[in-house]
Amino acid sequence: LARCRGRPIEAIREAARFYVAQILFDPRSDAYRTLGVDSYATREELRSNMALLLKWLHPHKDVAGENAVFVGRMIKAWDRLKTEDRR
């Protein structure tokens, strides 16, 4: 954020949206990357990131529905990682 000083907050938000869409939700991303965590993340970290991403992707925030495709990828990633046995 230090390099973004003086830039409009909407420009920073748009850059964050672009990053999430291109990096976390890339079809080649594994479940950890999709949820934005490393393989040592706790269940609480997984849940926290899942909640933040779902909040961002919620239909009230994404009125145009452009990001709806990512919800399925997130849920699949969560299902894959939600228990220690599945990791």
Protein backbone atom coordinates (compact mmCIF):
# COMPACT_ATOMS: atom_id res chain seq x y z
CA LEU A 1 0.00 0.00 0.00
CA ALA A 2 2.91 2.35 0.54
CA ARG A 3 3.47 2.57 -3.21
CA CYS A 4 -0.21 3.31 -3.75
CA ARG A 5 -0.25 6.53 -1.76
CA GLY A 6 -2.02 9.30 -3.53
CA ARG A 7 -4.02 6.91 -5.68
CA PRO A 8 -7.80 6.82 -5.43
CA ILE A 9 -9.12 4.10 -3.12
CA GLU A 10 -11.22 2.71 -5.96
CA ALA A 11 -8.07 2.17 -8.04
CA ILE A 12 -6.54 0.23 -5.17
CA ARG A 13 -9.70 -1.85 -4.76
CA GLU A 14 -9.76 -2.60 -8.48
CA ALA A 15 -6.12 -3.73 -8.33
CA ALA A 16 -6.99 -6.05 -5.43
CA ARG A 17 -9.97 -7.46 -7.33
CA PHE A 18 -7.75 -8.09 -10.35
CA TYR A 19 -5.16 -9.86 -8.19
CA VAL A 20 -7.75 -12.11 -6.57
CA ALA A 21 -9.37 -13.00 -9.88
CA GLN A 22 -6.12 -13.63 -11.74
CA ILE A 23 -3.99 -15.26 -9.04
CA LEU A 24 -6.23 -16.90 -6.46
CA PHE A 25 -8.96 -18.00 -8.82
CA ASP A 26 -6.84 -19.06 -11.76
CA PRO A 27 -8.19 -22.43 -12.94
CA ARG A 28 -4.73 -23.93 -12.41
CA SER A 29 -4.55 -22.80 -8.77
CA ASP A 30 -4.57 -25.45 -6.09
CA ALA A 31 -7.00 -25.33 -3.16
CA TYR A 32 -4.54 -23.47 -0.93
CA ARG A 33 -3.96 -20.71 -3.43
CA THR A 34 -7.66 -20.42 -4.17
CA LEU A 35 -8.29 -19.65 -0.50
CA GLY A 36 -5.20 -17.44 -0.27
CA VAL A 37 -3.35 -19.50 2.35
CA ASP A 38 -0.27 -21.66 2.55
CA SER A 39 -0.23 -25.36 3.37
CA TYR A 40 0.46 -24.62 7.05
CA ALA A 41 -2.69 -22.55 7.53
CA THR A 42 -4.93 -23.40 10.43
CA ARG A 43 -8.57 -24.28 10.00
CA GLU A 44 -9.39 -20.86 11.46
CA GLU A 45 -7.27 -19.12 8.82
CA LEU A 46 -8.98 -21.15 6.10
CA ARG A 47 -12.42 -20.21 7.44
CA SER A 48 -11.45 -16.56 7.80
CA ASN A 49 -10.21 -16.30 4.23
CA MET A 50 -13.23 -18.19 2.95
CA ALA A 51 -15.54 -15.77 4.78
CA LEU A 52 -13.72 -12.71 3.40
CA LEU A 53 -13.84 -14.02 -0.14
CA LEU A 54 -17.50 -14.99 0.12
CA LYS A 55 -18.30 -11.54 1.46
CA TRP A 56 -16.52 -10.01 -1.53
CA LEU A 57 -18.32 -12.32 -3.96
CA HIS A 58 -21.75 -11.96 -2.38
CA PRO A 59 -24.41 -11.00 -4.95
CA HIS A 60 -25.10 -7.73 -3.13
CA LYS A 61 -21.46 -6.72 -3.66
CA ASP A 62 -21.12 -8.24 -7.13
CA VAL A 63 -24.37 -6.95 -8.61
CA ALA A 64 -23.29 -7.67 -12.18
CA GLY A 65 -22.52 -11.29 -11.25
CA GLU A 66 -19.14 -11.15 -12.96
CA ASN A 67 -17.44 -13.12 -10.20
CA ALA A 68 -20.09 -15.78 -9.61
CA VAL A 69 -17.94 -18.38 -11.35
CA PHE A 70 -15.39 -18.07 -8.54
CA VAL A 71 -17.81 -19.13 -5.80
CA GLY A 72 -17.79 -22.72 -7.05
CA ARG A 73 -13.99 -22.80 -7.08
CA MET A 74 -13.89 -21.47 -3.53
CA ILE A 75 -16.40 -24.00 -2.24
CA LYS A 76 -14.51 -26.83 -3.94
CA ALA A 77 -11.25 -25.62 -2.35
CA TRP A 78 -12.88 -25.37 1.08
CA ASP A 79 -14.32 -28.88 0.73
CA ARG A 80 -10.87 -30.18 -0.14
CA LEU A 81 -9.15 -28.53 2.84
CA LYS A 82 -11.74 -28.26 5.61
CA THR A 83 -10.55 -31.28 7.57
CA GLU A 84 -7.08 -32.49 8.48
CA ASP A 85 -7.86 -35.89 6.93
CA ARG A 86 -8.49 -34.31 3.54
CA ARG A 87 -5.29 -32.33 3.49
